[in-house]
Amino acid sequence: FTMRFSSTPRGARLARRLSEHCLDAWGVPY
């Protein structure tokens, strides 16, 4: 997974949320 995010607290939150989703989809459950 690769993505650019705005360098803001909101961008950091979105990056964390998408990382969580990717991990679950890749077999590392929530």
PDB file of all heavy atoms in Angstrom:
ATOM      1  N   PHE A   1       0.868  -1.176   0.000  1.00  0.00           N
ATOM      2  CA  PHE A   1       0.000   0.000   0.000  1.00  0.00           C
ATOM      3  C   PHE A   1       0.904   1.225   0.000  1.00  0.00           C
ATOM      4  O   PHE A   1       1.830   1.312   0.799  1.00  0.00           O
ATOM      5  CB  PHE A   1      -0.881   0.010   1.249  1.00  0.00           C
ATOM      6  CG  PHE A   1      -1.579   1.313   1.504  1.00  0.00           C
ATOM      7  CD1 PHE A   1      -2.698   1.667   0.779  1.00  0.00           C
ATOM      8  CD2 PHE A   1      -1.105   2.193   2.461  1.00  0.00           C
ATOM      9  CE1 PHE A   1      -3.344   2.874   1.009  1.00  0.00           C
ATOM     10  CE2 PHE A   1      -1.741   3.394   2.703  1.00  0.00           C
ATOM     11  CZ  PHE A   1      -2.869   3.735   1.970  1.00  0.00           C
ATOM     12  N   THR A   2       0.654   2.167  -0.909  1.00  0.00           N
ATOM     13  CA  THR A   2       1.408   3.416  -0.967  1.00  0.00           C
ATOM     14  C   THR A   2       0.436   4.550  -1.235  1.00  0.00           C
ATOM     15  O   THR A   2      -0.399   4.444  -2.139  1.00  0.00           O
ATOM     16  CB  THR A   2       2.469   3.388  -2.081  1.00  0.00           C
ATOM     17  OG1 THR A   2       3.328   2.268  -1.884  1.00  0.00           O
ATOM     18  CG2 THR A   2       3.303   4.662  -2.082  1.00  0.00           C
ATOM     19  N   MET A   3       0.563   5.622  -0.449  1.00  0.00           N
ATOM     20  CA  MET A   3      -0.308   6.776  -0.661  1.00  0.00           C
ATOM     21  C   MET A   3       0.321   8.013  -0.035  1.00  0.00           C
ATOM     22  O   MET A   3       1.009   7.918   0.978  1.00  0.00           O
ATOM     23  CB  MET A   3      -1.675   6.520  -0.041  1.00  0.00           C
ATOM     24  CG  MET A   3      -2.718   7.531  -0.376  1.00  0.00           C
ATOM     25  SD  MET A   3      -4.325   6.941   0.200  1.00  0.00           S
ATOM     26  CE  MET A   3      -5.369   7.850  -0.900  1.00  0.00           C
ATOM     27  N   ARG A   4       0.069   9.159  -0.651  1.00  0.00           N
ATOM     28  CA  ARG A   4       0.495  10.445  -0.091  1.00  0.00           C
ATOM     29  C   ARG A   4      -0.664  11.050   0.689  1.00  0.00           C
ATOM     30  O   ARG A   4      -1.825  10.901   0.317  1.00  0.00           O
ATOM     31  CB  ARG A   4       0.909  11.401  -1.194  1.00  0.00           C
ATOM     32  CG  ARG A   4       2.222  11.014  -1.797  1.00  0.00           C
ATOM     33  CD  ARG A   4       2.693  12.057  -2.750  1.00  0.00           C
ATOM     34  NE  ARG A   4       3.974  11.626  -3.279  1.00  0.00           N
ATOM     35  CZ  ARG A   4       4.672  12.331  -4.112  1.00  0.00           C
ATOM     36  NH1 ARG A   4       4.234  13.509  -4.515  1.00  0.00           N
ATOM     37  NH2 ARG A   4       5.829  11.887  -4.543  1.00  0.00           N
ATOM     38  N   PHE A   5      -0.295  11.762   1.754  1.00  0.00           N
ATOM     39  CA  PHE A   5      -1.275  12.391   2.625  1.00  0.00           C
ATOM     40  C   PHE A   5      -0.862  13.827   2.896  1.00  0.00           C
ATOM     41  O   PHE A   5       0.332  14.143   2.913  1.00  0.00           O
ATOM     42  CB  PHE A   5      -1.366  11.640   3.959  1.00  0.00           C
ATOM     43  CG  PHE A   5      -1.829  10.220   3.819  1.00  0.00           C
ATOM     44  CD1 PHE A   5      -0.912   9.198   3.640  1.00  0.00           C
ATOM     45  CD2 PHE A   5      -3.175   9.916   3.840  1.00  0.00           C
ATOM     46  CE1 PHE A   5      -1.333   7.888   3.499  1.00  0.00           C
ATOM     47  CE2 PHE A   5      -3.614   8.605   3.691  1.00  0.00           C
ATOM     48  CZ  PHE A   5      -2.688   7.592   3.523  1.00  0.00           C
ATOM     49  N   SER A   6      -1.853  14.674   3.154  1.00  0.00           N
ATOM     50  CA  SER A   6      -1.538  16.057   3.519  1.00  0.00           C
ATOM     51  C   SER A   6      -0.798  16.042   4.852  1.00  0.00           C
ATOM     52  O   SER A   6      -1.084  15.236   5.734  1.00  0.00           O
ATOM     53  CB  SER A   6      -2.809  16.896   3.625  1.00  0.00           C
ATOM     54  OG  SER A   6      -3.642  16.415   4.651  1.00  0.00           O
ATOM     55  N   SER A   7       0.149  16.910   4.980  1.00  0.00           N
ATOM     56  CA  SER A   7       0.990  16.954   6.180  1.00  0.00           C
ATOM     57  C   SER A   7       0.264  17.732   7.286  1.00  0.00           C
ATOM     58  O   SER A   7       0.694  18.799   7.721  1.00  0.00           O
ATOM     59  CB  SER A   7       2.338  17.593   5.837  1.00  0.00           C
ATOM     60  OG  SER A   7       3.243  17.416   6.897  1.00  0.00           O
ATOM     61  N   THR A   8      -0.853  17.152   7.714  1.00  0.00           N
ATOM     62  CA  THR A   8      -1.710  17.737   8.746  1.00  0.00           C
ATOM     63  C   THR A   8      -2.129  16.638   9.710  1.00  0.00           C
ATOM     64  O   THR A   8      -2.020  15.446   9.380  1.00  0.00           O
ATOM     65  CB  THR A   8      -2.990  18.329   8.115  1.00  0.00           C
ATOM     66  OG1 THR A   8      -3.741  17.260   7.497  1.00  0.00           O
ATOM     67  CG2 THR A   8      -2.668  19.399   7.074  1.00  0.00           C
ATOM     68  N   PRO A   9      -2.627  16.996  10.891  1.00  0.00           N
ATOM     69  CA  PRO A   9      -3.151  15.957  11.785  1.00  0.00           C
ATOM     70  C   PRO A   9      -4.242  15.116  11.122  1.00  0.00           C
ATOM     71  O   PRO A   9      -4.314  13.906  11.332  1.00  0.00           O
ATOM     72  CB  PRO A   9      -3.696  16.756  12.975  1.00  0.00           C
ATOM     73  CG  PRO A   9      -2.846  17.989  13.005  1.00  0.00           C
ATOM     74  CD  PRO A   9      -2.602  18.317  11.551  1.00  0.00           C
ATOM     75  N   ARG A  10      -5.059  15.735  10.302  1.00  0.00           N
ATOM     76  CA  ARG A  10      -6.101  14.984   9.598  1.00  0.00           C
ATOM     77  C   ARG A  10      -5.486  13.965   8.635  1.00  0.00           C
ATOM     78  O   ARG A  10      -5.957  12.834   8.514  1.00  0.00           O
ATOM     79  CB  ARG A  10      -7.012  15.949   8.848  1.00  0.00           C
ATOM     80  CG  ARG A  10      -8.165  15.282   8.192  1.00  0.00           C
ATOM     81  CD  ARG A  10      -9.081  16.277   7.543  1.00  0.00           C
ATOM     82  NE  ARG A  10     -10.249  15.604   7.026  1.00  0.00           N
ATOM     83  CZ  ARG A  10     -11.192  16.198   6.352  1.00  0.00           C
ATOM     84  NH1 ARG A  10     -11.115  17.496   6.112  1.00  0.00           N
ATOM     85  NH2 ARG A  10     -12.212  15.517   5.904  1.00  0.00           N
ATOM     86  N   GLY A  11      -4.425  14.369   7.934  1.00  0.00           N
ATOM     87  CA  GLY A  11      -3.730  13.439   7.045  1.00  0.00           C
ATOM     88  C   GLY A  11      -3.133  12.263   7.808  1.00  0.00           C
ATOM     89  O   GLY A  11      -3.192  11.123   7.350  1.00  0.00           O
ATOM     90  N   ALA A  12      -2.564  12.527   8.993  1.00  0.00           N
ATOM     91  CA  ALA A  12      -1.992  11.453   9.819  1.00  0.00           C
ATOM     92  C   ALA A  12      -3.085  10.492  10.284  1.00  0.00           C
ATOM     93  O   ALA A  12      -2.887   9.271  10.293  1.00  0.00           O
ATOM     94  CB  ALA A  12      -1.248  12.048  11.007  1.00  0.00           C
ATOM     95  N   ARG A  13      -4.251  11.022  10.670  1.00  0.00           N
ATOM     96  CA  ARG A  13      -5.368  10.170  11.088  1.00  0.00           C
ATOM     97  C   ARG A  13      -5.841   9.289   9.941  1.00  0.00           C
ATOM     98  O   ARG A  13      -6.089   8.088  10.122  1.00  0.00           O
ATOM     99  CB  ARG A  13      -6.541  11.016  11.585  1.00  0.00           C
ATOM    100  CG  ARG A  13      -6.510  11.331  13.045  1.00  0.00           C
ATOM    101  CD  ARG A  13      -7.828  11.906  13.552  1.00  0.00           C
ATOM    102  NE  ARG A  13      -8.400  12.958  12.725  1.00  0.00           N
ATOM    103  CZ  ARG A  13      -8.069  14.244  12.797  1.00  0.00           C
ATOM    104  NH1 ARG A  13      -7.167  14.648  13.670  1.00  0.00           N
ATOM    105  NH2 ARG A  13      -8.645  15.124  12.003  1.00  0.00           N
ATOM    106  N   LEU A  14      -5.973   9.875   8.753  1.00  0.00           N
ATOM    107  CA  LEU A  14      -6.407   9.099   7.593  1.00  0.00           C
ATOM    108  C   LEU A  14      -5.391   8.008   7.264  1.00  0.00           C
ATOM    109  O   LEU A  14      -5.763   6.866   6.967  1.00  0.00           O
ATOM    110  CB  LEU A  14      -6.614  10.014   6.388  1.00  0.00           C
ATOM    111  CG  LEU A  14      -7.062   9.332   5.100  1.00  0.00           C
ATOM    112  CD1 LEU A  14      -8.364   8.565   5.297  1.00  0.00           C
ATOM    113  CD2 LEU A  14      -7.202  10.363   3.985  1.00  0.00           C
ATOM    114  N   ALA A  15      -4.110   8.323   7.339  1.00  0.00           N
ATOM    115  CA  ALA A  15      -3.068   7.321   7.085  1.00  0.00           C
ATOM    116  C   ALA A  15      -3.183   6.157   8.072  1.00  0.00           C
ATOM    117  O   ALA A  15      -3.068   4.994   7.686  1.00  0.00           O
ATOM    118  CB  ALA A  15      -1.685   7.967   7.173  1.00  0.00           C
ATOM    119  N   ARG A  16      -3.425   6.479   9.337  1.00  0.00           N
ATOM    120  CA  ARG A  16      -3.581   5.417  10.349  1.00  0.00           C
ATOM    121  C   ARG A  16      -4.792   4.556  10.040  1.00  0.00           C
ATOM    122  O   ARG A  16      -4.731   3.324  10.075  1.00  0.00           O
ATOM    123  CB  ARG A  16      -3.697   6.012  11.748  1.00  0.00           C
ATOM    124  CG  ARG A  16      -3.897   4.940  12.823  1.00  0.00           C
ATOM    125  CD  ARG A  16      -4.000   5.521  14.218  1.00  0.00           C
ATOM    126  NE  ARG A  16      -4.995   6.550  14.365  1.00  0.00           N
ATOM    127  CZ  ARG A  16      -6.297   6.321  14.602  1.00  0.00           C
ATOM    128  NH1 ARG A  16      -6.741   5.094  14.707  1.00  0.00           N
ATOM    129  NH2 ARG A  16      -7.132   7.332  14.732  1.00  0.00           N
ATOM    130  N   ARG A  17      -5.907   5.185   9.711  1.00  0.00           N
ATOM    131  CA  ARG A  17      -7.137   4.425   9.413  1.00  0.00           C
ATOM    132  C   ARG A  17      -6.955   3.505   8.200  1.00  0.00           C
ATOM    133  O   ARG A  17      -7.383   2.347   8.228  1.00  0.00           O
ATOM    134  CB  ARG A  17      -8.304   5.370   9.151  1.00  0.00           C
ATOM    135  CG  ARG A  17      -8.659   6.228  10.303  1.00  0.00           C
ATOM    136  CD  ARG A  17      -9.753   5.627  11.089  1.00  0.00           C
ATOM    137  NE  ARG A  17     -10.181   6.618  12.077  1.00  0.00           N
ATOM    138  CZ  ARG A  17     -10.708   6.304  13.210  1.00  0.00           C
ATOM    139  NH1 ARG A  17     -10.892   5.049  13.512  1.00  0.00           N
ATOM    140  NH2 ARG A  17     -11.066   7.230  14.055  1.00  0.00           N
ATOM    141  N   LEU A  18      -6.331   4.011   7.156  1.00  0.00           N
ATOM    142  CA  LEU A  18      -6.108   3.180   5.976  1.00  0.00           C
ATOM    143  C   LEU A  18      -5.111   2.060   6.272  1.00  0.00           C
ATOM    144  O   LEU A  18      -5.249   0.952   5.749  1.00  0.00           O
ATOM    145  CB  LEU A  18      -5.653   4.034   4.797  1.00  0.00           C
ATOM    146  CG  LEU A  18      -6.747   4.931   4.202  1.00  0.00           C
ATOM    147  CD1 LEU A  18      -6.165   5.865   3.149  1.00  0.00           C
ATOM    148  CD2 LEU A  18      -7.873   4.099   3.614  1.00  0.00           C
ATOM    149  N   SER A  19      -4.127   2.330   7.118  1.00  0.00           N
ATOM    150  CA  SER A  19      -3.181   1.285   7.530  1.00  0.00           C
ATOM    151  C   SER A  19      -3.914   0.177   8.280  1.00  0.00           C
ATOM    152  O   SER A  19      -3.668  -1.009   8.043  1.00  0.00           O
ATOM    153  CB  SER A  19      -2.080   1.875   8.415  1.00  0.00           C
ATOM    154  OG  SER A  19      -1.325   2.822   7.705  1.00  0.00           O
ATOM    155  N   GLU A  20      -4.821   0.564   9.170  1.00  0.00           N
ATOM    156  CA  GLU A  20      -5.615  -0.432   9.906  1.00  0.00           C
ATOM    157  C   GLU A  20      -6.407  -1.311   8.938  1.00  0.00           C
ATOM    158  O   GLU A  20      -6.437  -2.537   9.075  1.00  0.00           O
ATOM    159  CB  GLU A  20      -6.601   0.261  10.856  1.00  0.00           C
ATOM    160  CG  GLU A  20      -5.971   0.920  12.034  1.00  0.00           C
ATOM    161  CD  GLU A  20      -6.988   1.673  12.876  1.00  0.00           C
ATOM    162  OE1 GLU A  20      -7.900   2.317  12.306  1.00  0.00           O
ATOM    163  OE2 GLU A  20      -6.878   1.610  14.110  1.00  0.00           O
ATOM    164  N   HIS A  21      -7.048  -0.671   7.987  1.00  0.00           N
ATOM    165  CA  HIS A  21      -7.860  -1.410   7.017  1.00  0.00           C
ATOM    166  C   HIS A  21      -6.997  -2.371   6.199  1.00  0.00           C
ATOM    167  O   HIS A  21      -7.375  -3.534   5.992  1.00  0.00           O
ATOM    168  CB  HIS A  21      -8.591  -0.432   6.101  1.00  0.00           C
ATOM    169  CG  HIS A  21      -9.337  -1.110   5.007  1.00  0.00           C
ATOM    170  ND1 HIS A  21     -10.508  -1.805   5.223  1.00  0.00           N
ATOM    171  CD2 HIS A  21      -9.065  -1.231   3.683  1.00  0.00           C
ATOM    172  CE1 HIS A  21     -10.928  -2.321   4.081  1.00  0.00           C
ATOM    173  NE2 HIS A  21     -10.070  -1.977   3.125  1.00  0.00           N
ATOM    174  N   CYS A  22      -5.851  -1.891   5.718  1.00  0.00           N
ATOM    175  CA  CYS A  22      -4.958  -2.750   4.930  1.00  0.00           C
ATOM    176  C   CYS A  22      -4.522  -3.969   5.733  1.00  0.00           C
ATOM    177  O   CYS A  22      -4.548  -5.093   5.225  1.00  0.00           O
ATOM    178  CB  CYS A  22      -3.733  -1.974   4.466  1.00  0.00           C
ATOM    179  SG  CYS A  22      -4.074  -0.801   3.149  1.00  0.00           S
ATOM    180  N   LEU A  23      -4.115  -3.753   6.968  1.00  0.00           N
ATOM    181  CA  LEU A  23      -3.667  -4.873   7.794  1.00  0.00           C
ATOM    182  C   LEU A  23      -4.752  -5.937   7.916  1.00  0.00           C
ATOM    183  O   LEU A  23      -4.492  -7.134   7.772  1.00  0.00           O
ATOM    184  CB  LEU A  23      -3.254  -4.383   9.181  1.00  0.00           C
ATOM    185  CG  LEU A  23      -1.961  -3.593   9.240  1.00  0.00           C
ATOM    186  CD1 LEU A  23      -1.804  -2.935  10.607  1.00  0.00           C
ATOM    187  CD2 LEU A  23      -0.773  -4.486   8.930  1.00  0.00           C
ATOM    188  N   ASP A  24      -5.975  -5.504   8.184  1.00  0.00           N
ATOM    189  CA  ASP A  24      -7.079  -6.458   8.305  1.00  0.00           C
ATOM    190  C   ASP A  24      -7.291  -7.205   6.991  1.00  0.00           C
ATOM    191  O   ASP A  24      -7.437  -8.431   6.982  1.00  0.00           O
ATOM    192  CB  ASP A  24      -8.357  -5.730   8.727  1.00  0.00           C
ATOM    193  CG  ASP A  24      -9.503  -6.691   8.979  1.00  0.00           C
ATOM    194  OD1 ASP A  24      -9.383  -7.532   9.897  1.00  0.00           O
ATOM    195  OD2 ASP A  24     -10.508  -6.606   8.250  1.00  0.00           O
ATOM    196  N   ALA A  25      -7.263  -6.481   5.872  1.00  0.00           N
ATOM    197  CA  ALA A  25      -7.450  -7.114   4.564  1.00  0.00           C
ATOM    198  C   ALA A  25      -6.320  -8.083   4.233  1.00  0.00           C
ATOM    199  O   ALA A  25      -6.527  -9.047   3.489  1.00  0.00           O
ATOM    200  CB  ALA A  25      -7.557  -6.044   3.483  1.00  0.00           C
ATOM    201  N   TRP A  26      -5.140  -7.838   4.788  1.00  0.00           N
ATOM    202  CA  TRP A  26      -3.976  -8.685   4.519  1.00  0.00           C
ATOM    203  C   TRP A  26      -3.833  -9.844   5.502  1.00  0.00           C
ATOM    204  O   TRP A  26      -2.824 -10.541   5.515  1.00  0.00           O
ATOM    205  CB  TRP A  26      -2.697  -7.855   4.556  1.00  0.00           C
ATOM    206  CG  TRP A  26      -2.613  -6.798   3.511  1.00  0.00           C
ATOM    207  CD1 TRP A  26      -3.342  -6.691   2.359  1.00  0.00           C
ATOM    208  CD2 TRP A  26      -1.738  -5.667   3.524  1.00  0.00           C
ATOM    209  NE1 TRP A  26      -2.972  -5.568   1.661  1.00  0.00           N
ATOM    210  CE2 TRP A  26      -1.994  -4.922   2.349  1.00  0.00           C
ATOM    211  CE3 TRP A  26      -0.775  -5.213   4.413  1.00  0.00           C
ATOM    212  CZ2 TRP A  26      -1.305  -3.753   2.044  1.00  0.00           C
ATOM    213  CZ3 TRP A  26      -0.095  -4.045   4.106  1.00  0.00           C
ATOM    214  CH2 TRP A  26      -0.358  -3.330   2.931  1.00  0.00           C
ATOM    215  N   GLY A  27      -4.805 -10.043   6.365  1.00  0.00           N
ATOM    216  CA  GLY A  27      -4.770 -11.188   7.269  1.00  0.00           C
ATOM    217  C   GLY A  27      -4.234 -10.909   8.651  1.00  0.00           C
ATOM    218  O   GLY A  27      -3.932 -11.829   9.407  1.00  0.00           O
ATOM    219  N   VAL A  28      -4.117  -9.655   9.023  1.00  0.00           N
ATOM    220  CA  VAL A  28      -3.739  -9.272  10.387  1.00  0.00           C
ATOM    221  C   VAL A  28      -4.996  -8.623  10.976  1.00  0.00           C
ATOM    222  O   VAL A  28      -5.214  -7.425  10.813  1.00  0.00           O
ATOM    223  CB  VAL A  28      -2.536  -8.297  10.414  1.00  0.00           C
ATOM    224  CG1 VAL A  28      -2.126  -7.982  11.839  1.00  0.00           C
ATOM    225  CG2 VAL A  28      -1.363  -8.858   9.629  1.00  0.00           C
ATOM    226  N   PRO A  29      -5.851  -9.419  11.632  1.00  0.00           N
ATOM    227  CA  PRO A  29      -7.183  -8.940  12.004  1.00  0.00           C
ATOM    228  C   PRO A  29      -7.189  -7.816  13.038  1.00  0.00           C
ATOM    229  O   PRO A  29      -6.290  -7.696  13.867  1.00  0.00           O
ATOM    230  CB  PRO A  29      -7.882 -10.184  12.555  1.00  0.00           C
ATOM    231  CG  PRO A  29      -6.809 -11.157  12.846  1.00  0.00           C
ATOM    232  CD  PRO A  29      -5.618 -10.796  12.014  1.00  0.00           C
ATOM    233  N   TYR A  30      -8.258  -7.004  12.971  1.00  0.00           N
ATOM    234  CA  TYR A  30      -8.422  -5.846  13.844  1.00  0.00           C
ATOM    235  C   TYR A  30      -8.222  -6.162  15.325  1.00  0.00           C
ATOM    236  O   TYR A  30      -7.648  -5.373  16.049  1.00  0.00           O
ATOM    237  CB  TYR A  30      -9.818  -5.241  13.675  1.00  0.00           C
ATOM    238  CG  TYR A  30      -9.969  -4.357  12.468  1.00  0.00           C
ATOM    239  CD1 TYR A  30     -10.747  -4.758  11.386  1.00  0.00           C
ATOM    240  CD2 TYR A  30      -9.360  -3.113  12.410  1.00  0.00           C
ATOM    241  CE1 TYR A  30     -10.906  -3.940  10.274  1.00  0.00           C
ATOM    242  CE2 TYR A  30      -9.505  -2.286  11.308  1.00  0.00           C
ATOM    243  CZ  TYR A  30     -10.278  -2.710  10.250  1.00  0.00           C
ATOM    244  OH  TYR A  30     -10.428  -1.893   9.157  1.00  0.00           O
TER     245      TYR A  30
END
